[in-house]
N, C-alpha and C. Protein backbone atom coordinates (compact mmCIF):
# COMPACT_ATOMS: atom_id res chain seq x y z
N MET A 1 14.71 108.45 20.26
CA MET A 1 15.42 108.02 19.09
C MET A 1 14.49 108.16 17.88
N GLY A 2 14.98 108.86 16.88
CA GLY A 2 14.15 109.08 15.68
C GLY A 2 14.14 107.85 14.81
N ILE A 3 13.28 107.86 13.77
CA ILE A 3 13.13 106.76 12.90
C ILE A 3 14.41 106.44 12.16
N MET A 4 15.15 107.46 11.77
CA MET A 4 16.45 107.25 11.05
C MET A 4 17.44 106.50 11.93
N ASN A 5 17.53 106.92 13.18
CA ASN A 5 18.46 106.23 14.12
C ASN A 5 18.00 104.83 14.40
N SER A 6 16.66 104.60 14.46
CA SER A 6 16.15 103.28 14.74
C SER A 6 16.49 102.31 13.63
N VAL A 7 16.30 102.73 12.34
CA VAL A 7 16.61 101.90 11.21
C VAL A 7 18.10 101.58 11.17
N ALA A 8 18.97 102.56 11.42
CA ALA A 8 20.40 102.34 11.42
C ALA A 8 20.81 101.37 12.54
N ALA A 9 20.26 101.52 13.71
CA ALA A 9 20.53 100.68 14.79
C ALA A 9 20.11 99.19 14.55
N MET A 10 18.94 99.03 13.83
CA MET A 10 18.48 97.69 13.48
C MET A 10 19.43 97.05 12.50
N ILE A 11 19.90 97.81 11.49
CA ILE A 11 20.83 97.28 10.48
C ILE A 11 22.09 96.87 11.21
N ASP A 12 22.64 97.76 12.14
CA ASP A 12 23.86 97.45 12.81
C ASP A 12 23.76 96.19 13.72
N ARG A 13 22.60 96.05 14.29
CA ARG A 13 22.41 94.93 15.24
C ARG A 13 22.12 93.56 14.61
N TYR A 14 21.29 93.60 13.59
CA TYR A 14 20.87 92.32 12.95
C TYR A 14 21.40 92.08 11.57
N GLY A 15 22.04 93.01 10.96
CA GLY A 15 22.57 92.85 9.58
C GLY A 15 23.79 91.99 9.50
N ASN A 16 24.13 91.53 8.28
CA ASN A 16 25.30 90.74 8.01
C ASN A 16 26.49 91.67 7.84
N SER A 17 27.72 91.17 8.11
CA SER A 17 28.93 91.91 7.80
C SER A 17 29.14 91.81 6.32
N VAL A 18 29.25 92.95 5.58
CA VAL A 18 29.47 93.00 4.17
C VAL A 18 30.58 93.97 3.80
N THR A 19 31.15 93.71 2.61
CA THR A 19 32.16 94.70 2.08
C THR A 19 31.56 95.18 0.76
N VAL A 20 31.40 96.47 0.64
CA VAL A 20 30.90 97.08 -0.58
C VAL A 20 32.03 97.73 -1.30
N GLN A 21 32.19 97.38 -2.54
CA GLN A 21 33.22 97.96 -3.42
C GLN A 21 32.63 98.78 -4.53
N ASN A 22 33.01 100.03 -4.57
CA ASN A 22 32.43 100.96 -5.57
C ASN A 22 33.49 101.93 -5.99
N GLY A 23 33.81 101.93 -7.27
CA GLY A 23 34.79 102.93 -7.84
C GLY A 23 36.14 102.89 -7.15
N GLY A 24 36.64 101.71 -6.84
CA GLY A 24 37.97 101.61 -6.21
C GLY A 24 37.93 101.80 -4.68
N LEU A 25 36.81 102.16 -4.10
CA LEU A 25 36.69 102.34 -2.65
C LEU A 25 36.08 101.05 -2.11
N SER A 26 36.54 100.63 -0.93
CA SER A 26 36.01 99.48 -0.28
C SER A 26 35.52 99.86 1.11
N VAL A 27 34.24 99.56 1.41
CA VAL A 27 33.66 99.97 2.70
C VAL A 27 33.14 98.71 3.39
N LYS A 28 33.60 98.53 4.66
CA LYS A 28 33.06 97.41 5.51
C LYS A 28 31.93 97.99 6.27
N THR A 29 30.72 97.33 6.20
CA THR A 29 29.53 97.81 6.83
C THR A 29 28.64 96.62 7.18
N ARG A 30 27.46 96.92 7.61
CA ARG A 30 26.46 95.85 7.89
C ARG A 30 25.25 96.13 7.02
N ALA A 31 24.60 95.00 6.60
CA ALA A 31 23.40 95.12 5.72
C ALA A 31 22.74 93.78 5.76
N PHE A 32 21.47 93.78 5.38
CA PHE A 32 20.71 92.58 5.23
C PHE A 32 20.90 92.09 3.79
N VAL A 33 21.29 90.82 3.64
CA VAL A 33 21.38 90.25 2.30
C VAL A 33 20.59 88.88 2.38
N GLU A 34 19.63 88.79 1.48
CA GLU A 34 18.83 87.56 1.47
C GLU A 34 18.35 87.27 0.05
N PRO A 35 18.11 85.98 -0.25
CA PRO A 35 17.56 85.69 -1.61
C PRO A 35 16.14 86.15 -1.76
N LEU A 36 15.77 86.58 -2.96
CA LEU A 36 14.43 86.93 -3.27
C LEU A 36 13.66 85.65 -3.56
N ARG A 37 12.61 85.49 -2.92
CA ARG A 37 11.80 84.25 -3.15
C ARG A 37 11.07 84.35 -4.51
N TYR A 38 10.57 83.22 -4.96
CA TYR A 38 9.91 83.14 -6.26
C TYR A 38 8.83 84.16 -6.48
N LYS A 39 7.98 84.38 -5.50
CA LYS A 39 6.86 85.27 -5.63
C LYS A 39 7.32 86.75 -5.82
N ASN A 40 8.54 87.07 -5.39
CA ASN A 40 9.04 88.43 -5.49
C ASN A 40 9.78 88.66 -6.79
N LYS A 41 9.99 87.62 -7.63
CA LYS A 41 10.74 87.72 -8.85
C LYS A 41 9.92 88.19 -10.02
N ILE A 42 8.65 88.29 -9.85
CA ILE A 42 7.77 88.65 -11.01
C ILE A 42 8.13 89.99 -11.61
N TYR A 43 8.46 90.95 -10.81
CA TYR A 43 8.72 92.29 -11.39
C TYR A 43 10.16 92.51 -11.80
N ILE A 44 11.02 91.54 -11.58
CA ILE A 44 12.41 91.70 -11.92
C ILE A 44 12.67 91.41 -13.40
N GLY A 45 11.95 90.52 -13.99
CA GLY A 45 12.20 90.11 -15.35
C GLY A 45 13.18 89.01 -15.38
N GLY A 46 13.51 88.51 -16.55
CA GLY A 46 14.44 87.46 -16.69
C GLY A 46 14.93 87.31 -18.05
N ARG A 47 15.79 86.34 -18.26
CA ARG A 47 16.31 86.10 -19.56
C ARG A 47 16.32 84.63 -19.86
N TYR A 48 15.86 84.20 -20.99
CA TYR A 48 15.78 82.82 -21.36
C TYR A 48 17.08 82.38 -21.94
N HIS A 49 17.63 81.25 -21.47
CA HIS A 49 18.82 80.70 -22.05
C HIS A 49 18.48 79.34 -22.62
N PRO A 50 18.69 79.12 -23.94
CA PRO A 50 18.21 77.92 -24.58
C PRO A 50 18.74 76.61 -24.03
N LEU A 51 19.93 76.67 -23.44
CA LEU A 51 20.45 75.41 -22.84
C LEU A 51 19.96 75.16 -21.41
N GLY A 52 19.23 76.14 -20.82
CA GLY A 52 18.62 75.91 -19.52
C GLY A 52 19.62 76.07 -18.38
N GLY A 53 20.86 76.53 -18.67
CA GLY A 53 21.86 76.61 -17.63
C GLY A 53 22.03 77.98 -17.03
N TYR A 54 21.15 78.92 -17.41
CA TYR A 54 21.37 80.29 -16.93
C TYR A 54 20.79 80.44 -15.50
N ASN A 55 21.58 81.01 -14.59
CA ASN A 55 21.20 81.17 -13.27
C ASN A 55 20.65 82.60 -13.06
N ASN A 56 19.34 82.72 -12.79
CA ASN A 56 18.73 84.07 -12.72
C ASN A 56 18.28 84.38 -11.28
N GLU A 57 18.94 83.75 -10.30
CA GLU A 57 18.59 84.03 -8.94
C GLU A 57 18.92 85.51 -8.57
N LYS A 58 18.14 86.14 -7.83
CA LYS A 58 18.35 87.52 -7.43
C LYS A 58 18.35 87.59 -5.93
N TYR A 59 19.03 88.64 -5.41
CA TYR A 59 19.16 88.78 -3.93
C TYR A 59 18.83 90.21 -3.53
N LEU A 60 18.36 90.37 -2.33
CA LEU A 60 17.92 91.70 -1.85
C LEU A 60 18.97 92.17 -0.88
N TYR A 61 19.34 93.46 -1.05
CA TYR A 61 20.26 94.16 -0.12
C TYR A 61 19.49 95.33 0.52
N ILE A 62 19.60 95.39 1.85
CA ILE A 62 19.07 96.55 2.59
C ILE A 62 20.18 96.97 3.54
N GLY A 63 20.62 98.25 3.36
CA GLY A 63 21.69 98.80 4.16
C GLY A 63 21.53 100.31 4.38
N LYS A 64 22.58 100.84 5.00
CA LYS A 64 22.55 102.25 5.38
C LYS A 64 22.62 103.11 4.10
N PRO A 65 21.96 104.25 4.11
CA PRO A 65 21.94 105.12 2.91
C PRO A 65 23.26 105.81 2.67
N SER A 66 24.13 105.86 3.64
CA SER A 66 25.39 106.51 3.49
C SER A 66 26.41 105.75 2.62
N VAL A 67 26.12 104.48 2.37
CA VAL A 67 27.01 103.70 1.55
C VAL A 67 26.48 103.78 0.07
N ALA A 68 27.32 104.28 -0.78
CA ALA A 68 26.95 104.55 -2.18
C ALA A 68 26.80 103.21 -2.96
N LEU A 69 25.74 103.07 -3.71
CA LEU A 69 25.49 101.87 -4.57
C LEU A 69 25.25 102.34 -5.99
N SER A 70 26.02 101.80 -6.92
CA SER A 70 25.81 102.15 -8.33
C SER A 70 25.51 100.92 -9.14
N GLU A 71 24.47 101.02 -9.91
CA GLU A 71 24.03 99.91 -10.76
C GLU A 71 25.06 99.41 -11.73
N ASP A 72 25.31 98.15 -11.77
CA ASP A 72 26.26 97.45 -12.64
C ASP A 72 27.70 97.88 -12.40
N GLU A 73 27.98 98.56 -11.25
CA GLU A 73 29.35 98.96 -10.94
C GLU A 73 29.75 98.53 -9.52
N THR A 74 28.81 98.50 -8.61
CA THR A 74 29.13 98.21 -7.19
C THR A 74 28.99 96.67 -6.95
N SER A 75 29.99 96.15 -6.22
CA SER A 75 29.93 94.73 -5.86
C SER A 75 29.83 94.65 -4.33
N VAL A 76 29.20 93.59 -3.83
CA VAL A 76 28.97 93.34 -2.42
C VAL A 76 29.46 91.96 -2.13
N GLU A 77 30.34 91.84 -1.09
CA GLU A 77 30.78 90.59 -0.63
C GLU A 77 30.17 90.29 0.74
N CYS A 78 29.57 89.03 0.82
CA CYS A 78 28.92 88.68 2.05
C CYS A 78 29.01 87.17 2.24
N ALA A 79 29.49 86.71 3.34
CA ALA A 79 29.60 85.30 3.68
C ALA A 79 30.21 84.48 2.59
N GLY A 80 31.34 85.01 2.03
CA GLY A 80 32.05 84.25 1.01
C GLY A 80 31.50 84.33 -0.37
N GLU A 81 30.42 85.05 -0.58
CA GLU A 81 29.82 85.23 -1.91
C GLU A 81 30.01 86.63 -2.39
N LYS A 82 30.04 86.79 -3.71
CA LYS A 82 30.15 88.11 -4.29
C LYS A 82 29.00 88.39 -5.22
N TYR A 83 28.41 89.59 -5.05
CA TYR A 83 27.22 90.01 -5.81
C TYR A 83 27.51 91.28 -6.56
N ILE A 84 26.71 91.55 -7.58
CA ILE A 84 26.77 92.81 -8.28
C ILE A 84 25.42 93.50 -8.20
N ILE A 85 25.40 94.79 -8.00
CA ILE A 85 24.17 95.55 -7.88
C ILE A 85 23.56 95.70 -9.23
N LYS A 86 22.29 95.29 -9.38
CA LYS A 86 21.57 95.44 -10.63
C LYS A 86 20.62 96.65 -10.62
N ARG A 87 20.07 96.95 -9.48
CA ARG A 87 19.14 98.10 -9.32
C ARG A 87 19.27 98.57 -7.90
N ALA A 88 19.37 99.90 -7.70
CA ALA A 88 19.50 100.44 -6.34
C ALA A 88 18.65 101.73 -6.20
N GLU A 89 18.09 101.84 -5.05
CA GLU A 89 17.28 103.06 -4.77
C GLU A 89 17.40 103.36 -3.26
N LEU A 90 17.07 104.61 -2.91
CA LEU A 90 16.97 104.99 -1.46
C LEU A 90 15.51 105.07 -1.07
N TYR A 91 15.21 104.53 0.08
CA TYR A 91 13.81 104.69 0.62
C TYR A 91 13.82 105.88 1.50
N ARG A 92 12.91 106.81 1.24
CA ARG A 92 12.87 108.09 1.89
C ARG A 92 11.54 108.27 2.66
N VAL A 93 11.65 108.99 3.81
CA VAL A 93 10.50 109.41 4.53
C VAL A 93 10.70 110.85 4.80
N SER A 94 9.77 111.74 4.39
CA SER A 94 9.88 113.17 4.56
C SER A 94 11.25 113.73 4.13
N ASP A 95 11.60 113.33 2.91
CA ASP A 95 12.85 113.79 2.27
C ASP A 95 14.10 113.32 2.99
N THR A 96 13.99 112.41 3.91
CA THR A 96 15.17 111.84 4.61
C THR A 96 15.34 110.39 4.18
N ALA A 97 16.57 110.09 3.73
CA ALA A 97 16.88 108.72 3.33
C ALA A 97 17.02 107.83 4.54
N LEU A 98 16.15 106.78 4.66
CA LEU A 98 16.18 105.87 5.77
C LEU A 98 17.13 104.70 5.51
N TYR A 99 17.04 104.13 4.29
CA TYR A 99 17.87 102.99 3.97
C TYR A 99 17.98 102.89 2.47
N ALA A 100 19.02 102.12 2.06
CA ALA A 100 19.26 101.82 0.61
C ALA A 100 18.79 100.40 0.38
N TRP A 101 18.08 100.15 -0.72
CA TRP A 101 17.77 98.79 -1.04
C TRP A 101 18.23 98.56 -2.46
N ALA A 102 18.58 97.29 -2.74
CA ALA A 102 19.14 96.97 -4.00
C ALA A 102 18.74 95.59 -4.40
N ILE A 103 18.65 95.31 -5.69
CA ILE A 103 18.49 93.97 -6.25
C ILE A 103 19.90 93.56 -6.74
N MET A 104 20.33 92.38 -6.33
CA MET A 104 21.68 91.97 -6.71
C MET A 104 21.65 90.57 -7.38
N ALA A 105 22.68 90.32 -8.15
CA ALA A 105 22.79 89.01 -8.78
C ALA A 105 24.21 88.49 -8.36
N ARG A 106 24.30 87.18 -8.23
CA ARG A 106 25.56 86.55 -7.83
C ARG A 106 26.55 86.67 -9.04
N CYS A 107 27.77 86.99 -8.68
CA CYS A 107 28.84 87.07 -9.69
C CYS A 107 29.31 85.68 -10.05
N SER A 108 29.58 85.41 -11.31
CA SER A 108 30.15 84.21 -11.77
C SER A 108 30.95 84.46 -13.00
N GLU A 109 31.71 83.49 -13.48
CA GLU A 109 32.51 83.68 -14.70
C GLU A 109 31.56 84.02 -15.88
N ARG A 110 32.00 84.98 -16.65
CA ARG A 110 31.26 85.41 -17.80
C ARG A 110 31.42 84.47 -18.93
N MET A 111 30.35 84.11 -19.66
CA MET A 111 30.43 83.25 -20.79
C MET A 111 30.75 84.07 -22.06
N GLU A 112 31.44 83.45 -23.00
CA GLU A 112 31.95 84.14 -24.21
C GLU A 112 30.80 84.79 -25.00
N ASP A 113 29.61 84.17 -25.12
CA ASP A 113 28.57 84.72 -25.94
C ASP A 113 27.86 85.88 -25.20
N GLU A 114 28.21 86.16 -23.94
CA GLU A 114 27.60 87.25 -23.18
C GLU A 114 28.53 88.49 -23.15
N TYR A 115 29.64 88.44 -23.76
CA TYR A 115 30.56 89.50 -23.77
C TYR A 115 30.06 90.74 -24.50
N ASP A 116 30.18 91.88 -23.91
CA ASP A 116 29.77 93.15 -24.52
C ASP A 116 30.94 94.06 -24.42
N SER A 117 31.62 94.32 -25.54
CA SER A 117 32.80 95.12 -25.59
C SER A 117 32.56 96.58 -25.38
N ASP A 118 31.31 97.03 -25.45
CA ASP A 118 30.95 98.45 -25.30
C ASP A 118 30.79 98.82 -23.85
N LYS A 119 30.82 97.88 -22.96
CA LYS A 119 30.43 98.14 -21.59
C LYS A 119 31.61 97.74 -20.66
N SER A 120 31.95 98.60 -19.74
CA SER A 120 33.00 98.31 -18.76
C SER A 120 32.37 97.52 -17.64
N THR A 121 32.88 96.30 -17.38
CA THR A 121 32.30 95.45 -16.33
C THR A 121 33.40 94.88 -15.50
N PHE A 122 33.03 94.06 -14.52
CA PHE A 122 33.97 93.35 -13.71
C PHE A 122 34.47 92.09 -14.34
N GLY A 123 33.89 91.72 -15.51
CA GLY A 123 34.23 90.48 -16.17
C GLY A 123 33.44 89.32 -15.59
N TYR A 124 32.27 89.63 -15.03
CA TYR A 124 31.38 88.60 -14.46
C TYR A 124 30.10 88.55 -15.23
N ASP A 125 29.43 87.39 -15.14
CA ASP A 125 28.08 87.26 -15.71
C ASP A 125 27.11 87.55 -14.54
N TYR A 126 26.19 88.49 -14.75
CA TYR A 126 25.24 88.82 -13.69
C TYR A 126 23.87 88.92 -14.23
């Protein structure tokens, strides 16, 4: 069994059931979804909210490379929660994509002062 098959088998066996929605297409698959711990948030950046109510928790997605992920367009549903992809990349070995990883934010209702009329979004704050 090659490394690509080993990674896919591990995701299938130990990953969570997720639904990935991208461009009107919905795909049920398996992936790892977990919160990023504080020490891992250093490189993500953040945004200051003067009222202190802004939720900047981020989540890690690791899944099969065959499932397309688009930044600020793809949503992921897992265990009753909905997330939006903020950054996505493929991890490659010898020009072969082994898995897709992404940084996600939890979807919530968008606040009026965060509305951007120039950008097509899901209507969520992420």
